[in-house]
Amino acid sequence: MKKRAFVCIMSLILVMAFVAGGAFPVWAKTVFRLSNQLPPSHHISKGLDIFAEKVSEYSKGEMELKVFHSAQLFKDTEVVEALQNELMEMGIIPINKWSGMIPATDIFEVPFIFNELPSIKNFIEAGADEILDKEFRKKQVKTVFWVDYGYVQFFNNKHPLTKPQDFAGLKMRTFSSGDSETLQALGASPTVMSSSEMYMAMQRGTVDGGTTGMPAAVSRKLMEVQKFMTMANYATPEFIVQANLDWWKKLPEGDKEVILKAGKIAEESIRQSVAESEAKAEKTLAENGVLIYRLTAADRQAFIAATNPVQQVYLNNTGDIGNKLLTLAKELLAREVK
């Protein structure tokens, strides 16, 4: 009896030693990181938190996503390179940060090819996602889900912008080179600057106006320094959550399914919050004295004609891929406006 007890005890000790020494596999959850440059209070950041919660829920606690807000890991200017070099597993990227390597990603800044908020989702799901993901994979990343930001509008402090001729001579803040081409086509003089510099530039008269989204205008208190806004819905600064491709390929299929399922929930949650924040921001701007002019169908056609050269520049820079994307967007737009 004593011998049998001794054998059992020694066997248990050996098993514990083997486990501690790594002789037998020990269960551990899969932990991965996502870099986010936006503050925790931003509606997109809240959507990323939902993404993390759903990853844990759908994996029954076997996977953990750690979201690092406020550029704790990388700035938006660093995130593409960091993702390619697997310095993190996932990140949220402003799609225009890819334009140097994949010019076709500038499709979201081609003016007046989208109409309303659902237009963006329709475009992505109609084939744009597949077309662009093929290009992203060549750059060692995999698209997990898309993040809508909302539309860009025209603000200024001189007069209502109801037709292209109204832009002549205006100095306008812009957020990208693609957006600059639109303003130039309309007759304005664009200056690329960060959103953090916009308020002071408008207050001092360095610029007469600028382009930005309504929620951003409210958060930056632009109603204090701008009198007019034209609701044009002419472009959108789309974001994407992406993963390092080598890391993604190593994941078990079940883990991939969990991440994609959680991503779809987060994508729709953010899309809904964008619609709500746009409506709320429009109301806030109006209540604070900003005169809002909404383009009519006839106005929109005049703007489309004036900015048509921007489409040609896009096609010249993007070849067959850009042609496929622009054709798709135009086909969808034609159906929407019927």
C-alpha atoms as a PDB file:
ATOM      1  CA  MET A   1       0.000   0.000   0.000  1.00  0.00           C
ATOM      2  CA  LYS A   2       2.798   2.348   0.990  1.00  0.00           C
ATOM      3  CA  LYS A   3       4.661   1.451  -2.182  1.00  0.00           C
ATOM      4  CA  ARG A   4       1.607   2.200  -4.294  1.00  0.00           C
ATOM      5  CA  ALA A   5       1.122   5.590  -2.549  1.00  0.00           C
ATOM      6  CA  PHE A   6       4.791   6.411  -3.079  1.00  0.00           C
ATOM      7  CA  VAL A   7       4.515   5.602  -6.802  1.00  0.00           C
ATOM      8  CA  CYS A   8       1.424   7.800  -7.133  1.00  0.00           C
ATOM      9  CA  ILE A   9       3.110  10.719  -5.377  1.00  0.00           C
ATOM     10  CA  MET A  10       6.278  10.410  -7.469  1.00  0.00           C
ATOM     11  CA  SER A  11       4.225  10.177 -10.645  1.00  0.00           C
ATOM     12  CA  LEU A  12       2.385  13.374  -9.720  1.00  0.00           C
ATOM     13  CA  ILE A  13       5.655  15.148  -8.967  1.00  0.00           C
ATOM     14  CA  LEU A  14       7.092  14.059 -12.313  1.00  0.00           C
ATOM     15  CA  VAL A  15       4.002  15.248 -14.192  1.00  0.00           C
ATOM     16  CA  MET A  16       4.199  18.636 -12.464  1.00  0.00           C
ATOM     17  CA  ALA A  17       7.892  18.887 -13.308  1.00  0.00           C
ATOM     18  CA  PHE A  18       7.307  18.003 -16.947  1.00  0.00           C
ATOM     19  CA  VAL A  19       4.538  20.572 -17.230  1.00  0.00           C
ATOM     20  CA  ALA A  20       6.632  23.256 -15.544  1.00  0.00           C
ATOM     21  CA  GLY A  21       9.543  22.409 -17.805  1.00  0.00           C
ATOM     22  CA  GLY A  22       7.475  22.533 -20.952  1.00  0.00           C
ATOM     23  CA  ALA A  23       7.439  18.806 -21.650  1.00  0.00           C
ATOM     24  CA  PHE A  24       3.630  18.987 -21.988  1.00  0.00           C
ATOM     25  CA  PRO A  25       1.763  21.878 -23.629  1.00  0.00           C
ATOM     26  CA  VAL A  26       0.134  24.350 -21.242  1.00  0.00           C
ATOM     27  CA  TRP A  27      -3.076  26.115 -22.376  1.00  0.00           C
ATOM     28  CA  ALA A  28      -2.675  29.864 -22.866  1.00  0.00           C
ATOM     29  CA  LYS A  29      -4.972  32.372 -24.483  1.00  0.00           C
ATOM     30  CA  THR A  30      -4.024  34.040 -27.767  1.00  0.00           C
ATOM     31  CA  VAL A  31      -3.178  37.687 -27.057  1.00  0.00           C
ATOM     32  CA  PHE A  32      -2.743  40.291 -29.791  1.00  0.00           C
ATOM     33  CA  ARG A  33      -2.521  44.075 -30.039  1.00  0.00           C
ATOM     34  CA  LEU A  34      -4.244  46.782 -32.068  1.00  0.00           C
ATOM     35  CA  SER A  35      -2.766  50.275 -32.440  1.00  0.00           C
ATOM     36  CA  ASN A  36      -5.238  53.171 -32.555  1.00  0.00           C
ATOM     37  CA  GLN A  37      -4.211  56.833 -32.847  1.00  0.00           C
ATOM     38  CA  LEU A  38      -7.628  58.207 -31.823  1.00  0.00           C
ATOM     39  CA  PRO A  39      -8.549  59.073 -28.199  1.00  0.00           C
ATOM     40  CA  PRO A  40     -10.663  56.616 -26.155  1.00  0.00           C
ATOM     41  CA  SER A  41     -13.661  58.991 -26.249  1.00  0.00           C
ATOM     42  CA  HIS A  42     -13.884  58.956 -30.056  1.00  0.00           C
ATOM     43  CA  HIS A  43     -16.790  56.924 -31.463  1.00  0.00           C
ATOM     44  CA  ILE A  44     -14.363  54.894 -33.590  1.00  0.00           C
ATOM     45  CA  SER A  45     -12.318  54.026 -30.497  1.00  0.00           C
ATOM     46  CA  LYS A  46     -15.491  52.899 -28.747  1.00  0.00           C
ATOM     47  CA  GLY A  47     -16.195  50.673 -31.746  1.00  0.00           C
ATOM     48  CA  LEU A  48     -12.723  49.143 -31.414  1.00  0.00           C
ATOM     49  CA  ASP A  49     -13.462  48.418 -27.751  1.00  0.00           C
ATOM     50  CA  ILE A  50     -16.594  46.580 -28.896  1.00  0.00           C
ATOM     51  CA  PHE A  51     -14.385  44.631 -31.318  1.00  0.00           C
ATOM     52  CA  ALA A  52     -12.159  43.553 -28.412  1.00  0.00           C
ATOM     53  CA  GLU A  53     -15.161  42.558 -26.299  1.00  0.00           C
ATOM     54  CA  LYS A  54     -16.622  40.462 -29.106  1.00  0.00           C
ATOM     55  CA  VAL A  55     -13.305  38.709 -29.763  1.00  0.00           C
ATOM     56  CA  SER A  56     -13.271  37.606 -26.120  1.00  0.00           C
ATOM     57  CA  GLU A  57     -16.955  36.636 -26.184  1.00  0.00           C
ATOM     58  CA  TYR A  58     -16.875  34.639 -29.427  1.00  0.00           C
ATOM     59  CA  SER A  59     -13.661  32.842 -28.468  1.00  0.00           C
ATOM     60  CA  LYS A  60     -15.055  32.042 -24.996  1.00  0.00           C
ATOM     61  CA  GLY A  61     -12.107  33.823 -23.416  1.00  0.00           C
ATOM     62  CA  GLU A  62      -9.452  31.970 -25.401  1.00  0.00           C
ATOM     63  CA  MET A  63      -8.449  35.127 -27.313  1.00  0.00           C
ATOM     64  CA  GLU A  64      -7.666  38.595 -25.994  1.00  0.00           C
ATOM     65  CA  LEU A  65      -7.345  41.761 -28.071  1.00  0.00           C
ATOM     66  CA  LYS A  66      -5.552  44.650 -26.380  1.00  0.00           C
ATOM     67  CA  VAL A  67      -6.458  47.999 -27.951  1.00  0.00           C
ATOM     68  CA  PHE A  68      -3.908  50.790 -27.431  1.00  0.00           C
ATOM     69  CA  HIS A  69      -5.655  54.140 -27.921  1.00  0.00           C
ATOM     70  CA  SER A  70      -4.186  57.648 -28.354  1.00  0.00           C
ATOM     71  CA  ALA A  71      -1.170  56.468 -30.397  1.00  0.00           C
ATOM     72  CA  GLN A  72       0.348  54.663 -27.407  1.00  0.00           C
ATOM     73  CA  LEU A  73       2.009  52.245 -29.839  1.00  0.00           C
ATOM     74  CA  PHE A  74       2.289  54.139 -33.127  1.00  0.00           C
ATOM     75  CA  LYS A  75       1.177  57.417 -34.730  1.00  0.00           C
ATOM     76  CA  ASP A  76      -0.947  57.342 -37.879  1.00  0.00           C
ATOM     77  CA  THR A  77       2.180  58.216 -39.887  1.00  0.00           C
ATOM     78  CA  GLU A  78       3.987  55.158 -38.483  1.00  0.00           C
ATOM     79  CA  VAL A  79       1.307  52.503 -38.399  1.00  0.00           C
ATOM     80  CA  VAL A  80       1.637  51.230 -42.003  1.00  0.00           C
ATOM     81  CA  GLU A  81       5.340  50.447 -41.679  1.00  0.00           C
ATOM     82  CA  ALA A  82       4.866  49.017 -38.191  1.00  0.00           C
ATOM     83  CA  LEU A  83       2.162  46.682 -39.449  1.00  0.00           C
ATOM     84  CA  GLN A  84       4.196  45.534 -42.430  1.00  0.00           C
ATOM     85  CA  ASN A  85       7.156  44.747 -40.167  1.00  0.00           C
ATOM     86  CA  GLU A  86       4.942  42.905 -37.620  1.00  0.00           C
ATOM     87  CA  LEU A  87       5.832  45.324 -34.832  1.00  0.00           C
ATOM     88  CA  MET A  88       2.184  44.794 -33.872  1.00  0.00           C
ATOM     89  CA  GLU A  89      -0.472  42.367 -35.007  1.00  0.00           C
ATOM     90  CA  MET A  90      -3.226  44.811 -35.984  1.00  0.00           C
ATOM     91  CA  GLY A  91      -3.824  48.512 -36.470  1.00  0.00           C
ATOM     92  CA  ILE A  92      -6.381  51.026 -37.686  1.00  0.00           C
ATOM     93  CA  ILE A  93      -5.126  52.972 -40.694  1.00  0.00           C
ATOM     94  CA  PRO A  94      -6.413  56.076 -42.494  1.00  0.00           C
ATOM     95  CA  ILE A  95      -6.656  54.697 -46.010  1.00  0.00           C
ATOM     96  CA  ASN A  96      -4.921  57.719 -47.537  1.00  0.00           C
ATOM     97  CA  LYS A  97      -1.741  56.598 -45.724  1.00  0.00           C
ATOM     98  CA  TRP A  98      -1.560  53.827 -48.355  1.00  0.00           C
ATOM     99  CA  SER A  99      -1.812  56.183 -51.348  1.00  0.00           C
ATOM    100  CA  GLY A 100       1.966  56.345 -51.859  1.00  0.00           C
ATOM    101  CA  MET A 101       2.238  52.557 -52.282  1.00  0.00           C
ATOM    102  CA  ILE A 102      -1.281  51.875 -53.585  1.00  0.00           C
ATOM    103  CA  PRO A 103      -2.527  55.003 -55.423  1.00  0.00           C
ATOM    104  CA  ALA A 104      -5.917  53.380 -56.066  1.00  0.00           C
ATOM    105  CA  THR A 105      -6.774  53.794 -52.359  1.00  0.00           C
ATOM    106  CA  ASP A 106      -7.373  57.486 -53.111  1.00  0.00           C
ATOM    107  CA  ILE A 107     -10.759  56.456 -54.525  1.00  0.00           C
ATOM    108  CA  PHE A 108     -12.462  57.690 -51.348  1.00  0.00           C
ATOM    109  CA  GLU A 109     -11.156  61.209 -52.001  1.00  0.00           C
ATOM    110  CA  VAL A 110     -12.334  61.364 -55.614  1.00  0.00           C
ATOM    111  CA  PRO A 111     -15.067  64.017 -55.325  1.00  0.00           C
ATOM    112  CA  PHE A 112     -18.785  63.410 -55.663  1.00  0.00           C
ATOM    113  CA  ILE A 113     -18.755  59.684 -56.446  1.00  0.00           C
ATOM    114  CA  PHE A 114     -20.605  58.818 -53.237  1.00  0.00           C
ATOM    115  CA  ASN A 115     -23.970  60.239 -52.299  1.00  0.00           C
ATOM    116  CA  GLU A 116     -25.117  59.287 -48.791  1.00  0.00           C
ATOM    117  CA  LEU A 117     -23.653  57.351 -45.848  1.00  0.00           C
ATOM    118  CA  PRO A 118     -24.958  53.946 -47.089  1.00  0.00           C
ATOM    119  CA  SER A 119     -23.169  54.569 -50.417  1.00  0.00           C
ATOM    120  CA  ILE A 120     -19.820  53.771 -48.842  1.00  0.00           C
ATOM    121  CA  LYS A 121     -20.979  50.425 -47.453  1.00  0.00           C
ATOM    122  CA  ASN A 122     -22.565  49.541 -50.795  1.00  0.00           C
ATOM    123  CA  PHE A 123     -19.320  50.326 -52.617  1.00  0.00           C
ATOM    124  CA  ILE A 124     -17.176  48.257 -50.258  1.00  0.00           C
ATOM    125  CA  GLU A 125     -19.491  45.247 -50.324  1.00  0.00           C
ATOM    126  CA  ALA A 126     -20.041  45.408 -54.104  1.00  0.00           C
ATOM    127  CA  GLY A 127     -16.412  44.470 -54.762  1.00  0.00           C
ATOM    128  CA  ALA A 128     -14.141  47.322 -53.662  1.00  0.00           C
ATOM    129  CA  ASP A 129     -13.078  45.361 -50.569  1.00  0.00           C
ATOM    130  CA  GLU A 130     -11.949  42.385 -52.656  1.00  0.00           C
ATOM    131  CA  ILE A 131     -10.152  44.535 -55.233  1.00  0.00           C
ATOM    132  CA  LEU A 132      -8.219  46.506 -52.631  1.00  0.00           C
ATOM    133  CA  ASP A 133      -7.489  43.567 -50.326  1.00  0.00           C
ATOM    134  CA  LYS A 134      -5.598  41.877 -53.176  1.00  0.00           C
ATOM    135  CA  GLU A 135      -3.354  44.934 -53.333  1.00  0.00           C
ATOM    136  CA  PHE A 136      -2.962  45.140 -49.556  1.00  0.00           C
ATOM    137  CA  ARG A 137      -1.887  41.480 -49.422  1.00  0.00           C
ATOM    138  CA  LYS A 138       0.954  42.317 -51.811  1.00  0.00           C
ATOM    139  CA  LYS A 139       2.117  44.758 -49.118  1.00  0.00           C
ATOM    140  CA  GLN A 140       1.941  42.132 -46.351  1.00  0.00           C
ATOM    141  CA  VAL A 141      -1.346  43.150 -44.725  1.00  0.00           C
ATOM    142  CA  LYS A 142      -4.844  41.691 -44.552  1.00  0.00           C
ATOM    143  CA  THR A 143      -8.018  43.792 -44.249  1.00  0.00           C
ATOM    144  CA  VAL A 144     -10.104  42.735 -41.246  1.00  0.00           C
ATOM    145  CA  PHE A 145     -12.906  45.308 -41.457  1.00  0.00           C
ATOM    146  CA  TRP A 146     -13.718  48.788 -42.742  1.00  0.00           C
ATOM    147  CA  VAL A 147     -14.277  51.855 -40.593  1.00  0.00           C
ATOM    148  CA  ASP A 148     -16.492  54.639 -41.904  1.00  0.00           C
ATOM    149  CA  TYR A 149     -15.639  58.158 -40.743  1.00  0.00           C
ATOM    150  CA  GLY A 150     -18.389  60.207 -42.343  1.00  0.00           C
ATOM    151  CA  TYR A 151     -18.379  62.809 -45.102  1.00  0.00           C
ATOM    152  CA  VAL A 152     -16.258  65.894 -45.602  1.00  0.00           C
ATOM    153  CA  GLN A 153     -17.993  69.269 -45.967  1.00  0.00           C
ATOM    154  CA  PHE A 154     -16.959  72.786 -47.025  1.00  0.00           C
ATOM    155  CA  PHE A 155     -16.614  75.496 -44.340  1.00  0.00           C
ATOM    156  CA  ASN A 156     -15.718  79.158 -44.794  1.00  0.00           C
ATOM    157  CA  ASN A 157     -16.039  82.588 -43.208  1.00  0.00           C
ATOM    158  CA  LYS A 158     -16.674  84.760 -46.300  1.00  0.00           C
ATOM    159  CA  HIS A 159     -19.921  83.762 -48.014  1.00  0.00           C
ATOM    160  CA  PRO A 160     -22.156  80.761 -48.795  1.00  0.00           C
ATOM    161  CA  LEU A 161     -20.565  78.274 -51.199  1.00  0.00           C
ATOM    162  CA  THR A 162     -23.473  77.304 -53.430  1.00  0.00           C
ATOM    163  CA  LYS A 163     -21.670  76.992 -56.774  1.00  0.00           C
ATOM    164  CA  PRO A 164     -18.088  76.310 -57.917  1.00  0.00           C
ATOM    165  CA  GLN A 165     -17.469  79.968 -58.775  1.00  0.00           C
ATOM    166  CA  ASP A 166     -17.900  80.885 -55.090  1.00  0.00           C
ATOM    167  CA  PHE A 167     -14.547  79.238 -54.276  1.00  0.00           C
ATOM    168  CA  ALA A 168     -12.485  81.633 -56.393  1.00  0.00           C
ATOM    169  CA  GLY A 169      -9.733  83.275 -54.362  1.00  0.00           C
ATOM    170  CA  LEU A 170     -10.530  81.525 -51.077  1.00  0.00           C
ATOM    171  CA  LYS A 171      -7.671  80.196 -48.964  1.00  0.00           C
ATOM    172  CA  MET A 172      -8.807  76.797 -47.714  1.00  0.00           C
ATOM    173  CA  ARG A 173      -7.403  74.330 -45.219  1.00  0.00           C
ATOM    174  CA  THR A 174      -7.296  70.759 -46.565  1.00  0.00           C
ATOM    175  CA  PHE A 175      -6.385  67.406 -45.036  1.00  0.00           C
ATOM    176  CA  SER A 176      -4.622  65.668 -47.952  1.00  0.00           C
ATOM    177  CA  SER A 177      -3.108  66.052 -51.399  1.00  0.00           C
ATOM    178  CA  GLY A 178      -6.159  64.388 -52.969  1.00  0.00           C
ATOM    179  CA  ASP A 179      -8.485  66.869 -51.287  1.00  0.00           C
ATOM    180  CA  SER A 180      -6.195  69.687 -52.447  1.00  0.00           C
ATOM    181  CA  GLU A 181      -6.826  68.714 -56.067  1.00  0.00           C
ATOM    182  CA  THR A 182     -10.576  69.071 -55.510  1.00  0.00           C
ATOM    183  CA  LEU A 183     -10.208  72.548 -54.027  1.00  0.00           C
ATOM    184  CA  GLN A 184      -7.888  73.620 -56.825  1.00  0.00           C
ATOM    185  CA  ALA A 185     -10.397  72.411 -59.412  1.00  0.00           C
ATOM    186  CA  LEU A 186     -13.016  74.588 -57.709  1.00  0.00           C
ATOM    187  CA  GLY A 187     -10.747  77.641 -57.819  1.00  0.00           C
ATOM    188  CA  ALA A 188      -9.599  77.814 -54.197  1.00  0.00           C
ATOM    189  CA  SER A 189      -6.035  77.958 -52.877  1.00  0.00           C
ATOM    190  CA  PRO A 190      -5.555  74.879 -50.646  1.00  0.00           C
ATOM    191  CA  THR A 191      -3.139  74.508 -47.743  1.00  0.00           C
ATOM    192  CA  VAL A 192      -2.591  71.100 -46.166  1.00  0.00           C
ATOM    193  CA  MET A 193      -2.552  71.291 -42.372  1.00  0.00           C
ATOM    194  CA  SER A 194      -3.465  69.087 -39.432  1.00  0.00           C
ATOM    195  CA  SER A 195      -6.862  69.397 -37.789  1.00  0.00           C
ATOM    196  CA  SER A 196      -5.171  70.593 -34.598  1.00  0.00           C
ATOM    197  CA  GLU A 197      -3.899  73.704 -36.433  1.00  0.00           C
ATOM    198  CA  MET A 198      -7.189  74.475 -38.188  1.00  0.00           C
ATOM    199  CA  TYR A 199      -8.951  76.551 -35.520  1.00  0.00           C
ATOM    200  CA  MET A 200      -6.042  78.945 -34.991  1.00  0.00           C
ATOM    201  CA  ALA A 201      -5.502  79.356 -38.735  1.00  0.00           C
ATOM    202  CA  MET A 202      -9.163  80.257 -39.214  1.00  0.00           C
ATOM    203  CA  GLN A 203      -9.223  82.559 -36.220  1.00  0.00           C
ATOM    204  CA  ARG A 204      -6.163  84.484 -37.437  1.00  0.00           C
ATOM    205  CA  GLY A 205      -7.387  84.621 -41.019  1.00  0.00           C
ATOM    206  CA  THR A 206      -4.484  82.544 -42.321  1.00  0.00           C
ATOM    207  CA  VAL A 207      -7.172  80.599 -44.156  1.00  0.00           C
ATOM    208  CA  ASP A 208     -10.707  81.640 -45.062  1.00  0.00           C
ATOM    209  CA  GLY A 209     -12.154  78.199 -44.567  1.00  0.00           C
ATOM    210  CA  GLY A 210     -11.475  74.517 -44.802  1.00  0.00           C
ATOM    211  CA  THR A 211     -12.690  70.999 -45.374  1.00  0.00           C
ATOM    212  CA  THR A 212     -13.566  68.634 -42.531  1.00  0.00           C
ATOM    213  CA  GLY A 213     -16.401  66.509 -41.207  1.00  0.00           C
ATOM    214  CA  MET A 214     -19.226  67.928 -39.108  1.00  0.00           C
ATOM    215  CA  PRO A 215     -18.407  65.988 -35.902  1.00  0.00           C
ATOM    216  CA  ALA A 216     -14.787  67.134 -36.188  1.00  0.00           C
ATOM    217  CA  ALA A 217     -15.951  70.712 -36.735  1.00  0.00           C
ATOM    218  CA  VAL A 218     -17.966  70.548 -33.523  1.00  0.00           C
ATOM    219  CA  SER A 219     -15.154  68.978 -31.508  1.00  0.00           C
ATOM    220  CA  ARG A 220     -12.758  71.648 -32.803  1.00  0.00           C
ATOM    221  CA  LYS A 221     -15.341  74.400 -32.087  1.00  0.00           C
ATOM    222  CA  LEU A 222     -15.194  75.716 -35.636  1.00  0.00           C
ATOM    223  CA  MET A 223     -18.599  77.367 -35.171  1.00  0.00           C
ATOM    224  CA  GLU A 224     -16.680  80.041 -33.248  1.00  0.00           C
ATOM    225  CA  VAL A 225     -14.609  80.980 -36.290  1.00  0.00           C
ATOM    226  CA  GLN A 226     -16.712  79.929 -39.317  1.00  0.00           C
ATOM    227  CA  LYS A 227     -20.044  81.337 -40.507  1.00  0.00           C
ATOM    228  CA  PHE A 228     -20.949  79.086 -43.432  1.00  0.00           C
ATOM    229  CA  MET A 229     -21.027  75.388 -44.235  1.00  0.00           C
ATOM    230  CA  THR A 230     -21.969  73.680 -47.478  1.00  0.00           C
ATOM    231  CA  MET A 231     -23.223  70.139 -46.995  1.00  0.00           C
ATOM    232  CA  ALA A 232     -21.792  68.485 -50.086  1.00  0.00           C
ATOM    233  CA  ASN A 233     -20.907  64.928 -48.979  1.00  0.00           C
ATOM    234  CA  TYR A 234     -18.173  65.056 -51.588  1.00  0.00           C
ATOM    235  CA  ALA A 235     -15.483  62.782 -50.091  1.00  0.00           C
ATOM    236  CA  THR A 236     -14.839  60.552 -47.103  1.00  0.00           C
ATOM    237  CA  PRO A 237     -11.619  59.848 -45.148  1.00  0.00           C
ATOM    238  CA  GLU A 238     -12.176  56.083 -44.808  1.00  0.00           C
ATOM    239  CA  PHE A 239     -10.248  53.994 -42.272  1.00  0.00           C
ATOM    240  CA  ILE A 240      -9.468  50.258 -42.203  1.00  0.00           C
ATOM    241  CA  VAL A 241      -8.515  47.790 -39.495  1.00  0.00           C
ATOM    242  CA  GLN A 242      -5.783  45.547 -40.862  1.00  0.00           C
ATOM    243  CA  ALA A 243      -3.580  42.693 -39.695  1.00  0.00           C
ATOM    244  CA  ASN A 244      -0.024  41.708 -40.522  1.00  0.00           C
ATOM    245  CA  LEU A 245      -0.379  39.044 -43.214  1.00  0.00           C
ATOM    246  CA  ASP A 246       2.275  36.629 -41.896  1.00  0.00           C
ATOM    247  CA  TRP A 247       0.690  36.723 -38.435  1.00  0.00           C
ATOM    248  CA  TRP A 248      -2.760  36.234 -39.957  1.00  0.00           C
ATOM    249  CA  LYS A 249      -1.689  33.192 -41.973  1.00  0.00           C
ATOM    250  CA  LYS A 250      -0.378  31.462 -38.836  1.00  0.00           C
ATOM    251  CA  LEU A 251      -3.705  31.764 -37.027  1.00  0.00           C
ATOM    252  CA  PRO A 252      -5.960  28.694 -36.807  1.00  0.00           C
ATOM    253  CA  GLU A 253      -9.030  28.975 -39.024  1.00  0.00           C
ATOM    254  CA  GLY A 254     -11.254  29.119 -35.953  1.00  0.00           C
ATOM    255  CA  ASP A 255      -9.400  32.170 -34.633  1.00  0.00           C
ATOM    256  CA  LYS A 256      -9.718  33.906 -38.002  1.00  0.00           C
ATOM    257  CA  GLU A 257     -13.461  33.269 -37.989  1.00  0.00           C
ATOM    258  CA  VAL A 258     -13.772  34.757 -34.506  1.00  0.00           C
ATOM    259  CA  ILE A 259     -11.856  37.909 -35.505  1.00  0.00           C
ATOM    260  CA  LEU A 260     -13.825  38.441 -38.720  1.00  0.00           C
ATOM    261  CA  LYS A 261     -17.159  37.867 -36.974  1.00  0.00           C
ATOM    262  CA  ALA A 262     -16.245  40.316 -34.204  1.00  0.00           C
ATOM    263  CA  GLY A 263     -14.987  42.779 -36.811  1.00  0.00           C
ATOM    264  CA  LYS A 264     -18.301  42.724 -38.657  1.00  0.00           C
ATOM    265  CA  ILE A 265     -20.135  43.627 -35.448  1.00  0.00           C
ATOM    266  CA  ALA A 266     -17.708  46.477 -34.751  1.00  0.00           C
ATOM    267  CA  GLU A 267     -17.952  47.715 -38.345  1.00  0.00           C
ATOM    268  CA  GLU A 268     -21.741  48.015 -38.178  1.00  0.00           C
ATOM    269  CA  SER A 269     -21.637  49.554 -34.702  1.00  0.00           C
ATOM    270  CA  ILE A 270     -19.231  52.265 -35.859  1.00  0.00           C
ATOM    271  CA  ARG A 271     -21.275  52.848 -39.007  1.00  0.00           C
ATOM    272  CA  GLN A 272     -24.366  53.445 -36.887  1.00  0.00           C
ATOM    273  CA  SER A 273     -22.516  55.773 -34.530  1.00  0.00           C
ATOM    274  CA  VAL A 274     -21.257  57.785 -37.527  1.00  0.00           C
ATOM    275  CA  ALA A 275     -24.832  58.372 -38.705  1.00  0.00           C
ATOM    276  CA  GLU A 276     -25.855  59.461 -35.217  1.00  0.00           C
ATOM    277  CA  SER A 277     -22.843  61.753 -34.715  1.00  0.00           C
ATOM    278  CA  GLU A 278     -23.348  63.380 -38.138  1.00  0.00           C
ATOM    279  CA  ALA A 279     -26.972  64.214 -37.339  1.00  0.00           C
ATOM    280  CA  LYS A 280     -26.084  65.494 -33.875  1.00  0.00           C
ATOM    281  CA  ALA A 281     -23.202  67.624 -35.191  1.00  0.00           C
ATOM    282  CA  GLU A 282     -25.352  69.200 -37.908  1.00  0.00           C
ATOM    283  CA  LYS A 283     -27.877  70.239 -35.279  1.00  0.00           C
ATOM    284  CA  THR A 284     -25.149  71.649 -33.015  1.00  0.00           C
ATOM    285  CA  LEU A 285     -23.597  73.697 -35.813  1.00  0.00           C
ATOM    286  CA  ALA A 286     -26.951  75.176 -36.800  1.00  0.00           C
ATOM    287  CA  GLU A 287     -27.855  75.987 -33.188  1.00  0.00           C
ATOM    288  CA  ASN A 288     -24.542  77.819 -32.831  1.00  0.00           C
ATOM    289  CA  GLY A 289     -25.142  80.109 -35.778  1.00  0.00           C
ATOM    290  CA  VAL A 290     -23.496  78.318 -38.694  1.00  0.00           C
ATOM    291  CA  LEU A 291     -25.546  78.856 -41.855  1.00  0.00           C
ATOM    292  CA  ILE A 292     -25.838  75.500 -43.598  1.00  0.00           C
ATOM    293  CA  TYR A 293     -26.481  75.203 -47.305  1.00  0.00           C
ATOM    294  CA  ARG A 294     -27.354  71.764 -48.642  1.00  0.00           C
ATOM    295  CA  LEU A 295     -26.515  71.179 -52.314  1.00  0.00           C
ATOM    296  CA  THR A 296     -29.496  70.542 -54.566  1.00  0.00           C
ATOM    297  CA  ALA A 297     -29.361  67.936 -57.332  1.00  0.00           C
ATOM    298  CA  ALA A 298     -28.678  70.727 -59.852  1.00  0.00           C
ATOM    299  CA  ASP A 299     -25.945  72.218 -57.627  1.00  0.00           C
ATOM    300  CA  ARG A 300     -24.325  68.819 -57.320  1.00  0.00           C
ATOM    301  CA  GLN A 301     -24.154  68.399 -61.093  1.00  0.00           C
ATOM    302  CA  ALA A 302     -22.369  71.745 -61.379  1.00  0.00           C
ATOM    303  CA  PHE A 303     -19.808  70.655 -58.777  1.00  0.00           C
ATOM    304  CA  ILE A 304     -19.339  67.304 -60.498  1.00  0.00           C
ATOM    305  CA  ALA A 305     -18.608  69.051 -63.790  1.00  0.00           C
ATOM    306  CA  ALA A 306     -16.143  71.444 -62.161  1.00  0.00           C
ATOM    307  CA  THR A 307     -14.216  68.674 -60.389  1.00  0.00           C
ATOM    308  CA  ASN A 308     -14.257  66.175 -63.254  1.00  0.00           C
ATOM    309  CA  PRO A 309     -10.523  66.765 -63.965  1.00  0.00           C
ATOM    310  CA  VAL A 310      -9.772  65.239 -60.539  1.00  0.00           C
ATOM    311  CA  GLN A 311     -11.265  61.954 -61.721  1.00  0.00           C
ATOM    312  CA  GLN A 312      -8.986  61.981 -64.742  1.00  0.00           C
ATOM    313  CA  VAL A 313      -5.936  62.608 -62.552  1.00  0.00           C
ATOM    314  CA  TYR A 314      -6.966  59.642 -60.412  1.00  0.00           C
ATOM    315  CA  LEU A 315      -7.310  57.386 -63.473  1.00  0.00           C
ATOM    316  CA  ASN A 316      -3.930  58.505 -64.817  1.00  0.00           C
ATOM    317  CA  ASN A 317      -2.273  57.602 -61.506  1.00  0.00           C
ATOM    318  CA  THR A 318      -3.987  54.276 -60.829  1.00  0.00           C
ATOM    319  CA  GLY A 319      -4.355  52.386 -64.102  1.00  0.00           C
ATOM    320  CA  ASP A 320      -6.619  49.349 -64.365  1.00  0.00           C
ATOM    321  CA  ILE A 321      -7.296  49.016 -60.633  1.00  0.00           C
ATOM    322  CA  GLY A 322      -8.388  52.631 -60.342  1.00  0.00           C
ATOM    323  CA  ASN A 323     -10.566  52.270 -63.430  1.00  0.00           C
ATOM    324  CA  LYS A 324     -12.342  49.244 -61.909  1.00  0.00           C
ATOM    325  CA  LEU A 325     -12.998  51.064 -58.648  1.00  0.00           C
ATOM    326  CA  LEU A 326     -14.178  54.300 -60.255  1.00  0.00           C
ATOM    327  CA  THR A 327     -16.438  52.427 -62.680  1.00  0.00           C
ATOM    328  CA  LEU A 328     -17.950  50.475 -59.784  1.00  0.00           C
ATOM    329  CA  ALA A 329     -18.569  53.649 -57.776  1.00  0.00           C
ATOM    330  CA  LYS A 330     -20.211  55.390 -60.718  1.00  0.00           C
ATOM    331  CA  GLU A 331     -22.457  52.416 -61.481  1.00  0.00           C
ATOM    332  CA  LEU A 332     -23.671  52.333 -57.885  1.00  0.00           C
ATOM    333  CA  LEU A 333     -24.169  56.101 -57.835  1.00  0.00           C
ATOM    334  CA  ALA A 334     -26.263  55.953 -61.013  1.00  0.00           C
ATOM    335  CA  ARG A 335     -28.592  53.423 -59.363  1.00  0.00           C
ATOM    336  CA  GLU A 336     -28.913  55.510 -56.198  1.00  0.00           C
ATOM    337  CA  VAL A 337     -29.869  58.773 -57.902  1.00  0.00           C
ATOM    338  CA  LYS A 338     -32.488  57.266 -60.216  1.00  0.00           C
END
